[in-house]
């Protein structure tokens, strides 16, 4: 078995070795992007409350939409700490329906949509696993 030659170390250019290296900062910008978040945790760990709190912050005080696959769990928090939202309960989980309900929320002008929970669209009644 042949041995590899030892690595060759090269000196960095002087500008990179200097403690006076200049860095450029510029104003941060969202540039029209929307946040897409996933919250994971064990049952009872606070995913719904965390999601509602984040949605409230992203909505900047406007009412937001909740797509509820958790048998009304989000609605238990309605009005708590000023959180106001409209809920669309779902009990069938065809992924094509998720696209339709998201489109409906967009058409209604909601600034933020919180889906509690997406996992039902994978493994729930009429979900992706039922269709394969």
Protein backbone atom coordinates (compact mmCIF):
# COMPACT_ATOMS: atom_id res chain seq x y z
CA UNK A 1 0.00 0.00 0.00
CA UNK A 2 1.50 3.33 -1.02
CA UNK A 3 1.71 6.16 1.41
CA UNK A 4 0.31 9.56 0.66
CA UNK A 5 2.75 12.45 0.73
CA UNK A 6 2.51 14.71 3.77
CA UNK A 7 0.16 17.68 3.38
CA UNK A 8 1.73 20.86 2.11
CA UNK A 9 0.97 23.84 4.30
CA UNK A 10 0.87 27.18 2.62
CA UNK A 11 0.89 30.54 4.33
CA UNK A 12 -2.30 32.55 4.16
CA UNK A 13 -2.17 35.91 2.43
CA UNK A 14 -1.24 38.73 4.80
CA UNK A 15 -4.77 40.20 4.83
CA UNK A 16 -6.17 36.97 6.30
CA UNK A 17 -3.48 36.73 8.97
CA UNK A 18 -3.99 40.29 10.14
CA UNK A 19 -6.09 41.16 13.18
CA UNK A 20 -7.20 44.28 11.32
CA UNK A 21 -9.02 42.42 8.54
CA UNK A 22 -12.03 44.39 7.32
CA UNK A 23 -15.50 42.83 7.30
CA UNK A 24 -18.46 44.23 5.39
CA UNK A 25 -21.86 44.53 7.04
CA UNK A 26 -25.03 45.57 5.26
CA UNK A 27 -28.63 46.02 6.39
CA UNK A 28 -30.50 42.72 6.80
CA UNK A 29 -33.49 42.24 4.52
CA UNK A 30 -36.23 39.64 4.30
CA UNK A 31 -36.34 40.22 0.54
CA UNK A 32 -39.96 39.06 0.29
CA UNK A 33 -39.35 35.61 1.75
CA UNK A 34 -41.88 33.79 3.90
CA UNK A 35 -40.91 31.78 6.97
CA UNK A 36 -41.51 28.02 6.85
CA UNK A 37 -40.98 26.39 10.21
CA UNK A 38 -41.28 22.93 11.68
CA UNK A 39 -41.74 22.32 15.39
CA UNK A 40 -40.99 18.85 16.70
CA UNK A 41 -41.40 17.36 20.13
CA UNK A 42 -43.02 14.71 22.25
CA UNK A 43 -46.74 14.72 22.94
CA UNK A 44 -47.52 17.42 25.49
CA UNK A 45 -44.20 19.23 25.01
CA UNK A 46 -45.80 22.52 23.91
CA UNK A 47 -45.67 22.36 20.12
CA UNK A 48 -49.15 23.84 19.65
CA UNK A 49 -48.57 26.72 22.07
CA UNK A 50 -45.14 27.41 20.57
CA UNK A 51 -46.58 27.40 17.04
CA UNK A 52 -49.41 29.73 18.01
CA UNK A 53 -46.97 32.11 19.73
CA UNK A 54 -44.70 32.17 16.68
CA UNK A 55 -47.68 32.67 14.34
CA UNK A 56 -48.88 35.58 16.47
CA UNK A 57 -45.45 37.21 16.26
CA UNK A 58 -45.19 36.69 12.52
CA UNK A 59 -48.69 38.13 12.06
CA UNK A 60 -47.78 41.32 13.95
CA UNK A 61 -51.07 41.42 15.81
CA UNK A 62 -53.31 40.50 12.87
CA UNK A 63 -55.60 37.49 13.11
CA UNK A 64 -54.00 34.41 11.54
CA UNK A 65 -55.28 31.03 10.34
CA UNK A 66 -54.90 27.63 11.98
CA UNK A 67 -55.44 24.41 10.03
CA UNK A 68 -56.39 22.07 12.84
CA UNK A 69 -55.91 18.31 12.56
CA UNK A 70 -55.57 17.87 16.33
CA UNK A 71 -59.26 17.78 17.29
CA UNK A 72 -59.40 21.41 18.39
CA UNK A 73 -56.24 21.49 20.50
CA UNK A 74 -55.24 24.93 19.21
CA UNK A 75 -58.66 26.40 20.04
CA UNK A 76 -58.00 25.76 23.73
CA UNK A 77 -55.57 28.70 23.53
CA UNK A 78 -57.97 31.15 21.79
CA UNK A 79 -57.70 34.52 23.50
CA UNK A 80 -54.89 33.41 25.82
CA UNK A 81 -52.28 36.19 26.02
CA UNK A 82 -54.16 38.04 23.28
CA UNK A 83 -53.79 35.33 20.65
CA UNK A 84 -56.59 35.62 18.08
CA UNK A 85 -56.95 33.25 15.16
CA UNK A 86 -59.49 31.59 12.90
CA UNK A 87 -59.51 27.80 12.79
CA UNK A 88 -60.33 25.34 10.03
CA UNK A 89 -60.83 21.87 11.56
CA UNK A 90 -60.00 18.93 9.31
CA UNK A 91 -60.70 15.24 9.82
CA UNK A 92 -59.65 13.86 6.42
CA UNK A 93 -56.07 14.33 5.37
CA UNK A 94 -55.70 14.03 1.60
CA UNK A 95 -52.58 16.12 0.79
CA UNK A 96 -54.48 17.69 -2.12
CA UNK A 97 -56.92 19.08 0.46
CA UNK A 98 -54.00 20.63 2.31
CA UNK A 99 -53.06 22.50 -0.86
CA UNK A 100 -56.67 23.66 -1.25
CA UNK A 101 -57.02 24.85 2.35
CA UNK A 102 -53.67 26.68 2.19
CA UNK A 103 -54.84 28.38 -1.01
CA UNK A 104 -58.12 29.28 0.69
CA UNK A 105 -56.22 30.86 3.60
CA UNK A 106 -54.08 32.85 1.17
CA UNK A 107 -57.17 34.03 -0.74
CA UNK A 108 -58.74 35.13 2.56
CA UNK A 109 -55.67 37.29 3.22
CA UNK A 110 -54.34 35.68 6.38
CA UNK A 111 -50.80 36.92 7.02
CA UNK A 112 -49.78 33.62 8.63
CA UNK A 113 -51.02 30.02 8.50
CA UNK A 114 -50.19 27.50 11.23
CA UNK A 115 -50.82 23.82 10.41
CA UNK A 116 -51.30 21.76 13.57
CA UNK A 117 -50.22 19.07 12.58
CA UNK A 118 -48.80 18.08 9.19
CA UNK A 119 -48.16 14.47 10.24
CA UNK A 120 -51.82 13.58 9.67
CA UNK A 121 -51.42 14.42 5.97
CA UNK A 122 -48.77 11.71 5.90
CA UNK A 123 -50.29 8.93 7.99
CA UNK A 124 -53.88 9.96 8.78
CA UNK A 125 -57.16 8.99 7.10
CA UNK A 126 -56.76 9.54 3.32
CA UNK A 127 -53.17 10.70 3.94
CA UNK A 128 -50.22 9.96 1.69
CA UNK A 129 -49.67 6.45 3.11
CA UNK A 130 -53.33 5.55 2.42
CA UNK A 131 -52.82 6.53 -1.21
CA UNK A 132 -49.79 4.41 -2.02
